[in-house]
Amino acid sequence: MTNEELKINLKYLIDKYVQEDQKDSLYSYIIHEDIPVKGVLADLNKYKTRALDQADSDLIKNIYFYNC
């Protein structure tokens, strides 16, 4: 997974699962070249408004595999 793919995937997850008022704080992490992936995913888990569907859970597993 390239850095650009990582950014796209994290933005997708943030857009889908995080409330509007929390999104900007997470977006601020993914604009950097060296993304703190564990921190972003921890915050995603903290701020998510509903359970992850299976496809998105698999996406997170892939993000961890390639970036953590």
C-alpha atoms as a PDB file:
ATOM      1  CA  MET A   1       0.000   0.000   0.000  1.00  0.00           C
ATOM      2  CA  THR A   2       1.493   3.294  -1.080  1.00  0.00           C
ATOM      3  CA  ASN A   3       1.387   6.414   1.067  1.00  0.00           C
ATOM      4  CA  GLU A   4      -1.216   7.918  -1.277  1.00  0.00           C
ATOM      5  CA  GLU A   5      -3.406   4.798  -1.029  1.00  0.00           C
ATOM      6  CA  LEU A   6      -3.036   4.944   2.752  1.00  0.00           C
ATOM      7  CA  LYS A   7      -4.237   8.553   2.805  1.00  0.00           C
ATOM      8  CA  ILE A   8      -7.211   7.725   0.577  1.00  0.00           C
ATOM      9  CA  ASN A   9      -8.183   4.728   2.705  1.00  0.00           C
ATOM     10  CA  LEU A  10      -7.883   6.602   5.999  1.00  0.00           C
ATOM     11  CA  LYS A  11      -9.925   9.516   4.628  1.00  0.00           C
ATOM     12  CA  TYR A  12     -12.590   7.056   3.472  1.00  0.00           C
ATOM     13  CA  LEU A  13     -12.798   5.499   6.950  1.00  0.00           C
ATOM     14  CA  ILE A  14     -12.891   8.893   8.664  1.00  0.00           C
ATOM     15  CA  ASP A  15     -15.620  10.139   6.313  1.00  0.00           C
ATOM     16  CA  LYS A  16     -17.718   7.028   6.869  1.00  0.00           C
ATOM     17  CA  TYR A  17     -17.409   6.515  10.619  1.00  0.00           C
ATOM     18  CA  VAL A  18     -16.559   9.811  12.345  1.00  0.00           C
ATOM     19  CA  GLN A  19     -18.914  12.679  13.184  1.00  0.00           C
ATOM     20  CA  GLU A  20     -18.374  15.974  11.377  1.00  0.00           C
ATOM     21  CA  ASP A  21     -17.101  17.828  14.442  1.00  0.00           C
ATOM     22  CA  GLN A  22     -14.277  15.294  14.955  1.00  0.00           C
ATOM     23  CA  LYS A  23     -13.139  14.861  11.348  1.00  0.00           C
ATOM     24  CA  ASP A  24     -10.813  17.873  11.142  1.00  0.00           C
ATOM     25  CA  SER A  25      -8.634  16.638  13.990  1.00  0.00           C
ATOM     26  CA  LEU A  26      -8.144  13.315  12.189  1.00  0.00           C
ATOM     27  CA  TYR A  27      -7.631  14.934   8.781  1.00  0.00           C
ATOM     28  CA  SER A  28      -4.772  16.946  10.270  1.00  0.00           C
ATOM     29  CA  TYR A  29      -2.841  13.695  10.792  1.00  0.00           C
ATOM     30  CA  ILE A  30      -3.195  12.367   7.261  1.00  0.00           C
ATOM     31  CA  ILE A  31      -1.876  15.444   5.461  1.00  0.00           C
ATOM     32  CA  HIS A  32       1.666  14.687   6.664  1.00  0.00           C
ATOM     33  CA  GLU A  33       4.123  12.534   4.763  1.00  0.00           C
ATOM     34  CA  ASP A  34       4.814  10.382   7.849  1.00  0.00           C
ATOM     35  CA  ILE A  35       1.298   9.452   8.985  1.00  0.00           C
ATOM     36  CA  PRO A  36       0.912   8.218  12.593  1.00  0.00           C
ATOM     37  CA  VAL A  37      -1.205   5.262  11.492  1.00  0.00           C
ATOM     38  CA  LYS A  38      -1.678   3.683  14.918  1.00  0.00           C
ATOM     39  CA  GLY A  39      -2.776   7.013  16.352  1.00  0.00           C
ATOM     40  CA  VAL A  40      -5.231   7.676  13.538  1.00  0.00           C
ATOM     41  CA  LEU A  41      -6.759   4.213  13.867  1.00  0.00           C
ATOM     42  CA  ALA A  42      -6.947   4.542  17.659  1.00  0.00           C
ATOM     43  CA  ASP A  43      -8.758   7.869  17.277  1.00  0.00           C
ATOM     44  CA  LEU A  44     -11.013   6.358  14.622  1.00  0.00           C
ATOM     45  CA  ASN A  45     -11.968   3.658  17.103  1.00  0.00           C
ATOM     46  CA  LYS A  46     -12.549   6.295  19.779  1.00  0.00           C
ATOM     47  CA  TYR A  47     -14.702   8.605  17.628  1.00  0.00           C
ATOM     48  CA  LYS A  48     -16.551   6.154  15.391  1.00  0.00           C
ATOM     49  CA  THR A  49     -20.320   6.433  15.534  1.00  0.00           C
ATOM     50  CA  ARG A  50     -21.177   2.874  14.527  1.00  0.00           C
ATOM     51  CA  ALA A  51     -19.721  -0.602  14.178  1.00  0.00           C
ATOM     52  CA  LEU A  52     -17.386  -1.313  11.289  1.00  0.00           C
ATOM     53  CA  ASP A  53     -18.720  -3.429   8.472  1.00  0.00           C
ATOM     54  CA  GLN A  54     -16.701  -6.482   7.429  1.00  0.00           C
ATOM     55  CA  ALA A  55     -15.096  -4.910   4.351  1.00  0.00           C
ATOM     56  CA  ASP A  56     -13.883  -1.923   6.361  1.00  0.00           C
ATOM     57  CA  SER A  57     -12.625  -4.175   9.132  1.00  0.00           C
ATOM     58  CA  ASP A  58     -10.585  -6.032   6.503  1.00  0.00           C
ATOM     59  CA  LEU A  59      -9.305  -2.701   5.175  1.00  0.00           C
ATOM     60  CA  ILE A  60      -8.077  -1.760   8.657  1.00  0.00           C
ATOM     61  CA  LYS A  61      -6.321  -5.134   8.955  1.00  0.00           C
ATOM     62  CA  ASN A  62      -4.537  -4.413   5.663  1.00  0.00           C
ATOM     63  CA  ILE A  63      -3.579  -0.928   6.833  1.00  0.00           C
ATOM     64  CA  TYR A  64      -2.068  -2.420   9.997  1.00  0.00           C
ATOM     65  CA  PHE A  65      -0.278  -5.131   8.016  1.00  0.00           C
ATOM     66  CA  TYR A  66       1.369  -2.726   5.585  1.00  0.00           C
ATOM     67  CA  ASN A  67       1.961   0.266   7.858  1.00  0.00           C
ATOM     68  CA  CYS A  68       2.398  -0.820  11.479  1.00  0.00           C
END
